Amino acid sequence: MWIDSIEGISAASIVIISILIITNAIVAKYKLHRDVRSR
């Protein structure tokens, strides 16, 4: 039971972290494009 729960938590955390990294990259690209256009 404990091993399964720990593996599930680690898998969920990996998915959440990857989603956060992807969203951060998209936001960074969007901000860069806006900065270039404003100039």
PDB file of N, CA and C in Angstrom:
ATOM      1  N   MET A   1       0.844  -1.219   0.000  1.00  0.00           N
ATOM      2  CA  MET A   1       0.000   0.000   0.000  1.00  0.00           C
ATOM      3  C   MET A   1       0.872   1.260   0.000  1.00  0.00           C
ATOM      4  N   TRP A   2       1.830   1.301   0.946  1.00  0.00           N
ATOM      5  CA  TRP A   2       2.656   2.512   1.039  1.00  0.00           C
ATOM      6  C   TRP A   2       3.442   2.747  -0.262  1.00  0.00           C
ATOM      7  N   ILE A   3       4.019   1.653  -0.789  1.00  0.00           N
ATOM      8  CA  ILE A   3       4.827   1.815  -2.007  1.00  0.00           C
ATOM      9  C   ILE A   3       3.957   2.343  -3.147  1.00  0.00           C
ATOM     10  N   ASP A   4       2.757   1.790  -3.303  1.00  0.00           N
ATOM     11  CA  ASP A   4       1.868   2.250  -4.379  1.00  0.00           C
ATOM     12  C   ASP A   4       1.528   3.727  -4.195  1.00  0.00           C
ATOM     13  N   SER A   5       1.203   4.121  -2.962  1.00  0.00           N
ATOM     14  CA  SER A   5       0.823   5.521  -2.734  1.00  0.00           C
ATOM     15  C   SER A   5       2.007   6.451  -3.022  1.00  0.00           C
ATOM     16  N   ILE A   6       3.200   6.053  -2.604  1.00  0.00           N
ATOM     17  CA  ILE A   6       4.385   6.895  -2.848  1.00  0.00           C
ATOM     18  C   ILE A   6       4.634   7.013  -4.352  1.00  0.00           C
ATOM     19  N   GLU A   7       4.537   5.904  -5.067  1.00  0.00           N
ATOM     20  CA  GLU A   7       4.747   5.963  -6.522  1.00  0.00           C
ATOM     21  C   GLU A   7       3.702   6.836  -7.183  1.00  0.00           C
ATOM     22  N   GLY A   8       2.448   6.727  -6.732  1.00  0.00           N
ATOM     23  CA  GLY A   8       1.388   7.550  -7.316  1.00  0.00           C
ATOM     24  C   GLY A   8       1.647   9.026  -7.062  1.00  0.00           C
ATOM     25  N   ILE A   9       2.082   9.358  -5.842  1.00  0.00           N
ATOM     26  CA  ILE A   9       2.353  10.770  -5.514  1.00  0.00           C
ATOM     27  C   ILE A   9       3.506  11.284  -6.370  1.00  0.00           C
ATOM     28  N   SER A  10       4.560  10.483  -6.508  1.00  0.00           N
ATOM     29  CA  SER A  10       5.719  10.936  -7.296  1.00  0.00           C
ATOM     30  C   SER A  10       5.311  11.119  -8.753  1.00  0.00           C
ATOM     31  N   ALA A  11       4.507  10.195  -9.292  1.00  0.00           N
ATOM     32  CA  ALA A  11       4.072  10.324 -10.688  1.00  0.00           C
ATOM     33  C   ALA A  11       3.225  11.577 -10.854  1.00  0.00           C
ATOM     34  N   ALA A  12       2.306  11.817  -9.923  1.00  0.00           N
ATOM     35  CA  ALA A  12       1.446  13.003 -10.019  1.00  0.00           C
ATOM     36  C   ALA A  12       2.297  14.266  -9.920  1.00  0.00           C
ATOM     37  N   SER A  13       3.273  14.289  -9.023  1.00  0.00           N
ATOM     38  CA  SER A  13       4.130  15.476  -8.877  1.00  0.00           C
ATOM     39  C   SER A  13       4.930  15.716 -10.155  1.00  0.00           C
ATOM     40  N   ILE A  14       5.408  14.637 -10.775  1.00  0.00           N
ATOM     41  CA  ILE A  14       6.177  14.795 -12.028  1.00  0.00           C
ATOM     42  C   ILE A  14       5.283  15.405 -13.100  1.00  0.00           C
ATOM     43  N   VAL A  15       4.036  14.933 -13.186  1.00  0.00           N
ATOM     44  CA  VAL A  15       3.110  15.467 -14.195  1.00  0.00           C
ATOM     45  C   VAL A  15       2.837  16.941 -13.914  1.00  0.00           C
ATOM     46  N   ILE A  16       2.591  17.284 -12.646  1.00  0.00           N
ATOM     47  CA  ILE A  16       2.290  18.679 -12.292  1.00  0.00           C
ATOM     48  C   ILE A  16       3.497  19.570 -12.610  1.00  0.00           C
ATOM     49  N   ILE A  17       4.695  19.106 -12.257  1.00  0.00           N
ATOM     50  CA  ILE A  17       5.901  19.910 -12.512  1.00  0.00           C
ATOM     51  C   ILE A  17       6.093  20.113 -14.011  1.00  0.00           C
ATOM     52  N   SER A  18       5.887  19.043 -14.789  1.00  0.00           N
ATOM     53  CA  SER A  18       6.065  19.173 -16.246  1.00  0.00           C
ATOM     54  C   SER A  18       5.053  20.158 -16.816  1.00  0.00           C
ATOM     55  N   ILE A  19       3.807  20.111 -16.321  1.00  0.00           N
ATOM     56  CA  ILE A  19       2.785  21.049 -16.811  1.00  0.00           C
ATOM     57  C   ILE A  19       3.194  22.483 -16.453  1.00  0.00           C
ATOM     58  N   LEU A  20       3.683  22.692 -15.239  1.00  0.00           N
ATOM     59  CA  LEU A  20       4.100  24.040 -14.834  1.00  0.00           C
ATOM     60  C   LEU A  20       5.248  24.528 -15.717  1.00  0.00           C
ATOM     61  N   ILE A  21       6.217  23.654 -16.003  1.00  0.00           N
ATOM     62  CA  ILE A  21       7.359  24.053 -16.843  1.00  0.00           C
ATOM     63  C   ILE A  21       6.872  24.419 -18.241  1.00  0.00           C
ATOM     64  N   ILE A  22       5.946  23.613 -18.793  1.00  0.00           N
ATOM     65  CA  ILE A  22       5.442  23.892 -20.150  1.00  0.00           C
ATOM     66  C   ILE A  22       4.699  25.229 -20.162  1.00  0.00           C
ATOM     67  N   THR A  23       3.841  25.450 -19.164  1.00  0.00           N
ATOM     68  CA  THR A  23       3.078  26.703 -19.135  1.00  0.00           C
ATOM     69  C   THR A  23       4.027  27.887 -18.963  1.00  0.00           C
ATOM     70  N   ASN A  24       5.051  27.737 -18.128  1.00  0.00           N
ATOM     71  CA  ASN A  24       6.022  28.823 -17.944  1.00  0.00           C
ATOM     72  C   ASN A  24       6.734  29.129 -19.260  1.00  0.00           C
ATOM     73  N   ALA A  25       7.099  28.087 -20.014  1.00  0.00           N
ATOM     74  CA  ALA A  25       7.787  28.295 -21.296  1.00  0.00           C
ATOM     75  C   ALA A  25       6.863  29.020 -22.272  1.00  0.00           C
ATOM     76  N   ILE A  26       5.585  28.618 -22.308  1.00  0.00           N
ATOM     77  CA  ILE A  26       4.639  29.271 -23.226  1.00  0.00           C
ATOM     78  C   ILE A  26       4.459  30.735 -22.826  1.00  0.00           C
ATOM     79  N   VAL A  27       4.318  30.993 -21.534  1.00  0.00           N
ATOM     80  CA  VAL A  27       4.137  32.381 -21.069  1.00  0.00           C
ATOM     81  C   VAL A  27       5.380  33.204 -21.400  1.00  0.00           C
ATOM     82  N   ALA A  28       6.560  32.619 -21.200  1.00  0.00           N
ATOM     83  CA  ALA A  28       7.804  33.350 -21.496  1.00  0.00           C
ATOM     84  C   ALA A  28       7.869  33.695 -22.986  1.00  0.00           C
ATOM     85  N   LYS A  29       7.532  32.735 -23.856  1.00  0.00           N
ATOM     86  CA  LYS A  29       7.555  33.013 -25.298  1.00  0.00           C
ATOM     87  C   LYS A  29       6.542  34.101 -25.637  1.00  0.00           C
ATOM     88  N   TYR A  30       5.340  34.016 -25.034  1.00  0.00           N
ATOM     89  CA  TYR A  30       4.305  35.011 -25.317  1.00  0.00           C
ATOM     90  C   TYR A  30       4.775  36.399 -24.889  1.00  0.00           C
ATOM     91  N   LYS A  31       5.404  36.481 -23.704  1.00  0.00           N
ATOM     92  CA  LYS A  31       5.892  37.781 -23.228  1.00  0.00           C
ATOM     93  C   LYS A  31       6.987  38.311 -24.151  1.00  0.00           C
ATOM     94  N   LEU A  32       7.892  37.429 -24.597  1.00  0.00           N
ATOM     95  CA  LEU A  32       8.958  37.871 -25.501  1.00  0.00           C
ATOM     96  C   LEU A  32       8.359  38.419 -26.792  1.00  0.00           C
ATOM     97  N   HIS A  33       7.363  37.724 -27.349  1.00  0.00           N
ATOM     98  CA  HIS A  33       6.730  38.198 -28.586  1.00  0.00           C
ATOM     99  C   HIS A  33       6.074  39.560 -28.354  1.00  0.00           C
ATOM    100  N   ARG A  34       5.404  39.728 -27.210  1.00  0.00           N
ATOM    101  CA  ARG A  34       4.755  41.012 -26.915  1.00  0.00           C
ATOM    102  C   ARG A  34       5.813  42.107 -26.802  1.00  0.00           C
ATOM    103  N   ASP A  35       6.935  41.816 -26.108  1.00  0.00           N
ATOM    104  CA  ASP A  35       7.995  42.828 -25.967  1.00  0.00           C
ATOM    105  C   ASP A  35       8.537  43.226 -27.334  1.00  0.00           C
ATOM    106  N   VAL A  36       8.764  42.259 -28.207  1.00  0.00           N
ATOM    107  CA  VAL A  36       9.319  42.562 -29.538  1.00  0.00           C
ATOM    108  C   VAL A  36       8.322  43.409 -30.320  1.00  0.00           C
ATOM    109  N   ARG A  37       7.034  43.076 -30.225  1.00  0.00           N
ATOM    110  CA  ARG A  37       6.036  43.840 -30.973  1.00  0.00           C
ATOM    111  C   ARG A  37       5.904  45.255 -30.424  1.00  0.00           C
ATOM    112  N   SER A  38       5.977  45.410 -29.100  1.00  0.00           N
ATOM    113  CA  SER A  38       5.831  46.748 -28.510  1.00  0.00           C
ATOM    114  C   SER A  38       6.973  47.653 -28.979  1.00  0.00           C
ATOM    115  N   ARG A  39       8.159  47.077 -29.155  1.00  0.00           N
ATOM    116  CA  ARG A  39       9.291  47.876 -29.638  1.00  0.00           C
ATOM    117  C   ARG A  39       9.110  48.138 -31.128  1.00  0.00           C
TER     118      ARG A  39
END
